Amino acid sequence: MNEWLVTAAVLLLSLVPCGVVCARAAPIDRLVALELAVVVDVVILLVLAQGFRRDIYFDVALVLAFLSFAGALVFIRFVERWV
């Protein structure tokens, strides 16, 4: 196990507070936590790609970064009725 995989495991633990906020907060705070979780996920995928020395995994992180913006727009559209 190299230092990249250890870093990915530590970053994975940082998703727990984001999940708690997504489960219990107001809708706007949920959106912020969701976006933060996506940023952390992208970083985790980039670290894993470096740790496994697979260039193709960088594409997965790139696709997730692009799709997270669309997902946030859908989330905003869904909750705008209550905000």
Protein backbone atom coordinates (compact mmCIF):
# COMPACT_ATOMS: atom_id res chain seq x y z
CA MET A 1 0.00 0.00 0.00
CA ASN A 2 1.51 3.31 -1.02
CA GLU A 3 1.01 6.83 0.29
CA TRP A 4 -1.57 7.66 -2.41
CA LEU A 5 -3.91 4.94 -1.22
CA VAL A 6 -3.49 5.98 2.41
CA THR A 7 -4.36 9.55 1.42
CA ALA A 8 -7.47 8.32 -0.40
CA ALA A 9 -8.57 6.43 2.72
CA VAL A 10 -8.13 9.52 4.89
CA LEU A 11 -10.06 11.64 2.39
CA LEU A 12 -12.81 9.05 2.38
CA LEU A 13 -13.35 9.69 6.08
CA SER A 14 -13.97 13.37 5.33
CA LEU A 15 -17.17 12.41 3.51
CA VAL A 16 -18.88 11.46 6.78
CA PRO A 17 -19.59 15.06 7.90
CA CYS A 18 -20.91 15.86 4.42
CA GLY A 19 -23.31 12.94 4.68
CA VAL A 20 -24.54 14.09 8.08
CA VAL A 21 -25.22 17.58 6.76
CA CYS A 22 -26.97 16.17 3.69
CA ALA A 23 -29.23 14.13 5.94
CA ARG A 24 -30.17 16.70 8.58
CA ALA A 25 -29.75 20.28 7.35
CA ALA A 26 -31.84 22.82 5.48
CA PRO A 27 -32.12 22.40 1.69
CA ILE A 28 -29.56 25.09 0.85
CA ASP A 29 -27.07 23.64 3.32
CA ARG A 30 -27.67 20.22 1.79
CA LEU A 31 -26.73 21.57 -1.61
CA VAL A 32 -23.48 23.02 -0.26
CA ALA A 33 -22.65 19.72 1.46
CA LEU A 34 -23.45 17.83 -1.73
CA GLU A 35 -21.13 20.02 -3.78
CA LEU A 36 -18.38 19.69 -1.18
CA ALA A 37 -18.80 15.91 -1.23
CA VAL A 38 -18.46 15.89 -5.00
CA VAL A 39 -15.26 17.92 -4.82
CA VAL A 40 -13.86 15.49 -2.25
CA ASP A 41 -14.96 12.56 -4.43
CA VAL A 42 -13.16 13.99 -7.44
CA VAL A 43 -9.99 14.44 -5.38
CA ILE A 44 -10.29 10.88 -4.07
CA LEU A 45 -10.64 9.54 -7.60
CA LEU A 46 -7.61 11.53 -8.74
CA VAL A 47 -5.54 10.24 -5.82
CA LEU A 48 -6.65 6.67 -6.53
CA ALA A 49 -5.74 7.08 -10.20
CA GLN A 50 -2.28 8.19 -9.19
CA GLY A 51 -2.00 5.43 -6.57
CA PHE A 52 -2.95 2.67 -9.01
CA ARG A 53 -0.96 4.30 -11.85
CA ARG A 54 -3.92 4.13 -14.24
CA ASP A 55 -4.39 7.12 -16.52
CA ILE A 56 -7.87 6.05 -17.55
CA TYR A 57 -9.16 6.71 -14.03
CA PHE A 58 -8.48 10.41 -14.49
CA ASP A 59 -11.31 10.42 -17.02
CA VAL A 60 -13.74 9.13 -14.39
CA ALA A 61 -12.88 12.06 -12.13
CA LEU A 62 -13.33 14.48 -15.02
CA VAL A 63 -16.76 13.08 -15.91
CA LEU A 64 -17.85 13.25 -12.27
CA ALA A 65 -16.79 16.90 -12.08
CA PHE A 66 -18.87 17.77 -15.15
CA LEU A 67 -21.92 15.78 -14.06
CA SER A 68 -21.92 17.26 -10.57
CA PHE A 69 -22.76 20.68 -11.96
CA ALA A 70 -25.77 19.27 -13.80
CA GLY A 71 -26.81 17.38 -10.69
CA ALA A 72 -26.70 20.56 -8.63
CA LEU A 73 -28.92 22.31 -11.14
CA VAL A 74 -31.45 19.49 -10.97
CA PHE A 75 -31.35 19.58 -7.17
CA ILE A 76 -31.95 23.34 -7.15
CA ARG A 77 -34.84 22.96 -9.57
CA PHE A 78 -36.36 20.25 -7.37
CA VAL A 79 -36.15 22.16 -4.08
CA GLU A 80 -37.04 25.60 -5.36
CA ARG A 81 -40.66 24.86 -4.47
CA TRP A 82 -39.83 24.81 -0.76
CA VAL A 83 -37.24 27.58 -0.66
